Each structure stands twice: as structure tokens, then as C-alpha cells.
Amino acid sequence: MALQKTKLSDVISVTGVTTVGIFTVGQSTTPVGVTSTSYVKGVVMHNIGIGSVVASLYFYPTGENVLAHGNTAFRMARVDLAESETFFYETNYPITMTGSDQIVVDILPSTNGGSGIGTVVNFQILGDTDIEI
């Protein structure tokens, strides 16, 4: 295996009120191949929708299932994003993901009112990965 300095994901657009996995070790692809052990340095969230939403970021360990709502035991960030607002989740030291660990996000209606329906939040995962050669 060789460490590849590459983006872990393209921009991923998530629409409406939903909970969804956006990255899975061993399944997600990068420009240089399928991910193996991955080192997540940060995640960018940007609300391109027409209203405010609450966006959450989760790091699920291998074997945990993604349900209709994110499991708060795995939540690392929760932020109310106004229209056109950007939030950066960054760590001083990369988060190591192995096996089939996942990054999961959810979008919920804003705590300031609104339905969240029709809202779009863009996510991009920043970091490095080992690629099996």
C-alpha cells in the first residue's frame, strides 16, 4: 500500500431532509483508486439552498448501520447553516478510518424555522488515503 495525497471526495450534494453515508472506507473511490485506511483532515459544508438548515457530521465505526436519523453517539459536529453559509470541520491531527468506517451526514429543518425541503448542502472530504496497489 502507498499513501496517496489526493482528495477523498469530489463535492457531494445532499438534498432535502435526509441522513446519508457520503464516504465508506474500502468502497469509496478517489482519482487514484478505491480507498483503504484513510486519514480525514477536514470536511467542508456549504449550504447552497434557499433557507437555513441544521447539518450534522458523523463518523460511524465499522458494522454500524445508518438509520433514518444519525446516531448521536457518533456525531462530531452539528451546525445551523444559513443560506450561502460555509462551515469547516477541521482537526489538528487526522482522524484514522479503517475497515468499513463511514462518514455520514444529515440535514434537518433549521432551529430558526423552515422545512428544510428543497435545501442543498455541498460536502467535501479532505485528507489522504492508503491505496492498495
C-alpha atoms as a PDB file:
ATOM      1  CA  MET A   1       0.000   0.000   0.000  1.00  0.00           C
ATOM      2  CA  ALA A   2       1.081   3.550  -0.663  1.00  0.00           C
ATOM      3  CA  LEU A   3      -0.176   6.767   0.908  1.00  0.00           C
ATOM      4  CA  GLN A   4      -1.795   8.900  -1.780  1.00  0.00           C
ATOM      5  CA  LYS A   5      -2.182  12.597  -1.204  1.00  0.00           C
ATOM      6  CA  THR A   6      -5.448  13.171  -3.029  1.00  0.00           C
ATOM      7  CA  LYS A   7      -8.911  14.478  -2.342  1.00  0.00           C
ATOM      8  CA  LEU A   8     -11.031  11.890  -0.597  1.00  0.00           C
ATOM      9  CA  SER A   9     -14.180  13.033  -2.377  1.00  0.00           C
ATOM     10  CA  ASP A  10     -15.486  15.288  -5.059  1.00  0.00           C
ATOM     11  CA  VAL A  11     -18.139  17.769  -3.987  1.00  0.00           C
ATOM     12  CA  ILE A  12     -21.121  15.730  -2.785  1.00  0.00           C
ATOM     13  CA  SER A  13     -24.522  17.452  -2.919  1.00  0.00           C
ATOM     14  CA  VAL A  14     -27.135  16.279  -0.415  1.00  0.00           C
ATOM     15  CA  THR A  15     -30.708  17.460  -0.987  1.00  0.00           C
ATOM     16  CA  GLY A  16     -33.568  17.895   1.459  1.00  0.00           C
ATOM     17  CA  VAL A  17     -34.178  16.420   4.898  1.00  0.00           C
ATOM     18  CA  THR A  18     -32.161  13.195   4.911  1.00  0.00           C
ATOM     19  CA  THR A  19     -29.481  11.055   6.562  1.00  0.00           C
ATOM     20  CA  VAL A  20     -26.954   9.507   4.190  1.00  0.00           C
ATOM     21  CA  GLY A  21     -23.474   7.987   4.112  1.00  0.00           C
ATOM     22  CA  ILE A  22     -21.114  10.003   1.898  1.00  0.00           C
ATOM     23  CA  PHE A  23     -17.850   8.061   2.373  1.00  0.00           C
ATOM     24  CA  THR A  24     -17.073   4.437   3.205  1.00  0.00           C
ATOM     25  CA  VAL A  25     -13.564   3.054   3.603  1.00  0.00           C
ATOM     26  CA  GLY A  26     -12.984   0.201   1.162  1.00  0.00           C
ATOM     27  CA  GLN A  27     -15.830   1.293  -1.125  1.00  0.00           C
ATOM     28  CA  SER A  28     -15.408   4.984  -1.951  1.00  0.00           C
ATOM     29  CA  THR A  29     -13.247   5.831  -4.937  1.00  0.00           C
ATOM     30  CA  THR A  30     -10.745   8.650  -5.376  1.00  0.00           C
ATOM     31  CA  PRO A  31      -8.905   9.803  -8.506  1.00  0.00           C
ATOM     32  CA  VAL A  32      -6.160   7.250  -7.661  1.00  0.00           C
ATOM     33  CA  GLY A  33      -8.260   4.219  -6.679  1.00  0.00           C
ATOM     34  CA  VAL A  34     -10.510   2.684  -4.007  1.00  0.00           C
ATOM     35  CA  THR A  35      -9.830   3.923  -0.502  1.00  0.00           C
ATOM     36  CA  SER A  36      -8.200   1.810   2.166  1.00  0.00           C
ATOM     37  CA  THR A  37      -7.092   3.197   5.536  1.00  0.00           C
ATOM     38  CA  SER A  38      -7.987   6.890   5.280  1.00  0.00           C
ATOM     39  CA  TYR A  39      -6.853   9.957   7.190  1.00  0.00           C
ATOM     40  CA  VAL A  40      -9.562  12.617   7.328  1.00  0.00           C
ATOM     41  CA  LYS A  41      -8.239  16.120   7.971  1.00  0.00           C
ATOM     42  CA  GLY A  42     -11.483  18.006   7.472  1.00  0.00           C
ATOM     43  CA  VAL A  43     -14.932  18.286   5.943  1.00  0.00           C
ATOM     44  CA  VAL A  44     -16.325  21.377   4.240  1.00  0.00           C
ATOM     45  CA  MET A  45     -20.095  22.011   4.404  1.00  0.00           C
ATOM     46  CA  HIS A  46     -21.743  24.724   2.283  1.00  0.00           C
ATOM     47  CA  ASN A  47     -25.470  25.483   2.154  1.00  0.00           C
ATOM     48  CA  ILE A  48     -26.389  26.357  -1.433  1.00  0.00           C
ATOM     49  CA  GLY A  49     -30.106  26.106  -0.720  1.00  0.00           C
ATOM     50  CA  ILE A  50     -32.757  28.760  -0.278  1.00  0.00           C
ATOM     51  CA  GLY A  51     -33.086  28.591   3.511  1.00  0.00           C
ATOM     52  CA  SER A  52     -31.379  27.657   6.766  1.00  0.00           C
ATOM     53  CA  VAL A  53     -30.790  24.029   7.768  1.00  0.00           C
ATOM     54  CA  VAL A  54     -29.116  22.055  10.518  1.00  0.00           C
ATOM     55  CA  ALA A  55     -26.292  19.898   9.132  1.00  0.00           C
ATOM     56  CA  SER A  56     -24.593  17.189  11.198  1.00  0.00           C
ATOM     57  CA  LEU A  57     -21.442  15.174  10.610  1.00  0.00           C
ATOM     58  CA  TYR A  58     -20.957  11.645  11.969  1.00  0.00           C
ATOM     59  CA  PHE A  59     -18.059   9.162  11.985  1.00  0.00           C
ATOM     60  CA  TYR A  60     -19.609   5.665  12.086  1.00  0.00           C
ATOM     61  CA  PRO A  61     -17.387   2.715  13.060  1.00  0.00           C
ATOM     62  CA  THR A  62     -17.348  -0.497  11.020  1.00  0.00           C
ATOM     63  CA  GLY A  63     -20.507  -2.548  11.487  1.00  0.00           C
ATOM     64  CA  GLU A  64     -22.860   0.278  12.472  1.00  0.00           C
ATOM     65  CA  ASN A  65     -25.908   0.781  10.254  1.00  0.00           C
ATOM     66  CA  VAL A  66     -27.093   4.158   9.002  1.00  0.00           C
ATOM     67  CA  LEU A  67     -30.710   4.614  10.036  1.00  0.00           C
ATOM     68  CA  ALA A  68     -33.314   7.287   9.245  1.00  0.00           C
ATOM     69  CA  HIS A  69     -31.665   9.644  11.752  1.00  0.00           C
ATOM     70  CA  GLY A  70     -27.989   9.967  12.650  1.00  0.00           C
ATOM     71  CA  ASN A  71     -26.820   8.222  15.822  1.00  0.00           C
ATOM     72  CA  THR A  72     -25.755  10.984  18.237  1.00  0.00           C
ATOM     73  CA  ALA A  73     -23.155   8.638  19.770  1.00  0.00           C
ATOM     74  CA  PHE A  74     -21.117   9.114  16.554  1.00  0.00           C
ATOM     75  CA  ARG A  75     -21.830  12.820  15.924  1.00  0.00           C
ATOM     76  CA  MET A  76     -18.767  15.079  15.703  1.00  0.00           C
ATOM     77  CA  ALA A  77     -20.364  18.345  14.543  1.00  0.00           C
ATOM     78  CA  ARG A  78     -23.787  19.929  14.317  1.00  0.00           C
ATOM     79  CA  VAL A  79     -24.252  23.379  12.869  1.00  0.00           C
ATOM     80  CA  ASP A  80     -27.122  25.623  11.793  1.00  0.00           C
ATOM     81  CA  LEU A  81     -26.184  26.786   8.288  1.00  0.00           C
ATOM     82  CA  ALA A  82     -27.847  29.889   6.924  1.00  0.00           C
ATOM     83  CA  GLU A  83     -28.349  30.276   3.182  1.00  0.00           C
ATOM     84  CA  SER A  84     -24.938  30.573   1.404  1.00  0.00           C
ATOM     85  CA  GLU A  85     -23.020  29.866   4.636  1.00  0.00           C
ATOM     86  CA  THR A  86     -19.911  27.630   4.808  1.00  0.00           C
ATOM     87  CA  PHE A  87     -18.630  25.630   7.793  1.00  0.00           C
ATOM     88  CA  PHE A  88     -15.237  23.906   8.057  1.00  0.00           C
ATOM     89  CA  TYR A  89     -14.799  20.905  10.356  1.00  0.00           C
ATOM     90  CA  GLU A  90     -11.051  20.510  10.837  1.00  0.00           C
ATOM     91  CA  THR A  91      -8.850  18.565  13.234  1.00  0.00           C
ATOM     92  CA  ASN A  92      -5.254  19.203  14.300  1.00  0.00           C
ATOM     93  CA  TYR A  93      -4.434  15.551  13.688  1.00  0.00           C
ATOM     94  CA  PRO A  94      -6.181  13.431  11.028  1.00  0.00           C
ATOM     95  CA  ILE A  95      -8.949  11.027  12.026  1.00  0.00           C
ATOM     96  CA  THR A  96      -7.894   7.496  11.022  1.00  0.00           C
ATOM     97  CA  MET A  97     -10.640   5.455   9.379  1.00  0.00           C
ATOM     98  CA  THR A  98     -10.214   1.703   8.727  1.00  0.00           C
ATOM     99  CA  GLY A  99     -12.260  -1.389   7.849  1.00  0.00           C
ATOM    100  CA  SER A 100     -15.571  -0.094   6.501  1.00  0.00           C
ATOM    101  CA  ASP A 101     -15.862   3.010   8.717  1.00  0.00           C
ATOM    102  CA  GLN A 102     -18.211   5.634   7.287  1.00  0.00           C
ATOM    103  CA  ILE A 103     -18.756   9.362   7.210  1.00  0.00           C
ATOM    104  CA  VAL A 104     -22.470  10.095   7.487  1.00  0.00           C
ATOM    105  CA  VAL A 105     -24.248  13.445   7.229  1.00  0.00           C
ATOM    106  CA  ASP A 106     -27.758  14.562   7.901  1.00  0.00           C
ATOM    107  CA  ILE A 107     -29.788  17.614   7.045  1.00  0.00           C
ATOM    108  CA  LEU A 108     -32.678  18.659   9.256  1.00  0.00           C
ATOM    109  CA  PRO A 109     -35.016  21.660   9.319  1.00  0.00           C
ATOM    110  CA  SER A 110     -33.413  24.736  10.846  1.00  0.00           C
ATOM    111  CA  THR A 111     -33.869  25.548  14.512  1.00  0.00           C
ATOM    112  CA  ASN A 112     -34.802  29.024  13.220  1.00  0.00           C
ATOM    113  CA  GLY A 113     -37.857  27.703  11.357  1.00  0.00           C
ATOM    114  CA  GLY A 114     -38.398  26.416   7.840  1.00  0.00           C
ATOM    115  CA  SER A 115     -38.959  22.926   6.478  1.00  0.00           C
ATOM    116  CA  GLY A 116     -35.505  22.168   5.037  1.00  0.00           C
ATOM    117  CA  ILE A 117     -37.219  20.684   1.981  1.00  0.00           C
ATOM    118  CA  GLY A 118     -35.505  21.665  -1.267  1.00  0.00           C
ATOM    119  CA  THR A 119     -32.352  22.669   0.547  1.00  0.00           C
ATOM    120  CA  VAL A 120     -28.993  21.533  -0.832  1.00  0.00           C
ATOM    121  CA  VAL A 121     -25.783  21.243   1.197  1.00  0.00           C
ATOM    122  CA  ASN A 122     -22.470  20.522  -0.524  1.00  0.00           C
ATOM    123  CA  PHE A 123     -19.868  18.438   1.330  1.00  0.00           C
ATOM    124  CA  GLN A 124     -16.212  17.768   0.506  1.00  0.00           C
ATOM    125  CA  ILE A 125     -13.935  15.468   2.499  1.00  0.00           C
ATOM    126  CA  LEU A 126     -10.285  16.483   2.785  1.00  0.00           C
ATOM    127  CA  GLY A 127      -7.457  14.089   3.638  1.00  0.00           C
ATOM    128  CA  ASP A 128      -5.269  11.228   2.414  1.00  0.00           C
ATOM    129  CA  THR A 129      -5.716   7.503   1.885  1.00  0.00           C
ATOM    130  CA  ASP A 130      -3.705   4.313   1.501  1.00  0.00           C
ATOM    131  CA  ILE A 131      -4.380   2.747  -1.878  1.00  0.00           C
ATOM    132  CA  GLU A 132      -3.906  -0.972  -2.456  1.00  0.00           C
ATOM    133  CA  ILE A 133      -1.587  -1.319  -5.451  1.00  0.00           C
END
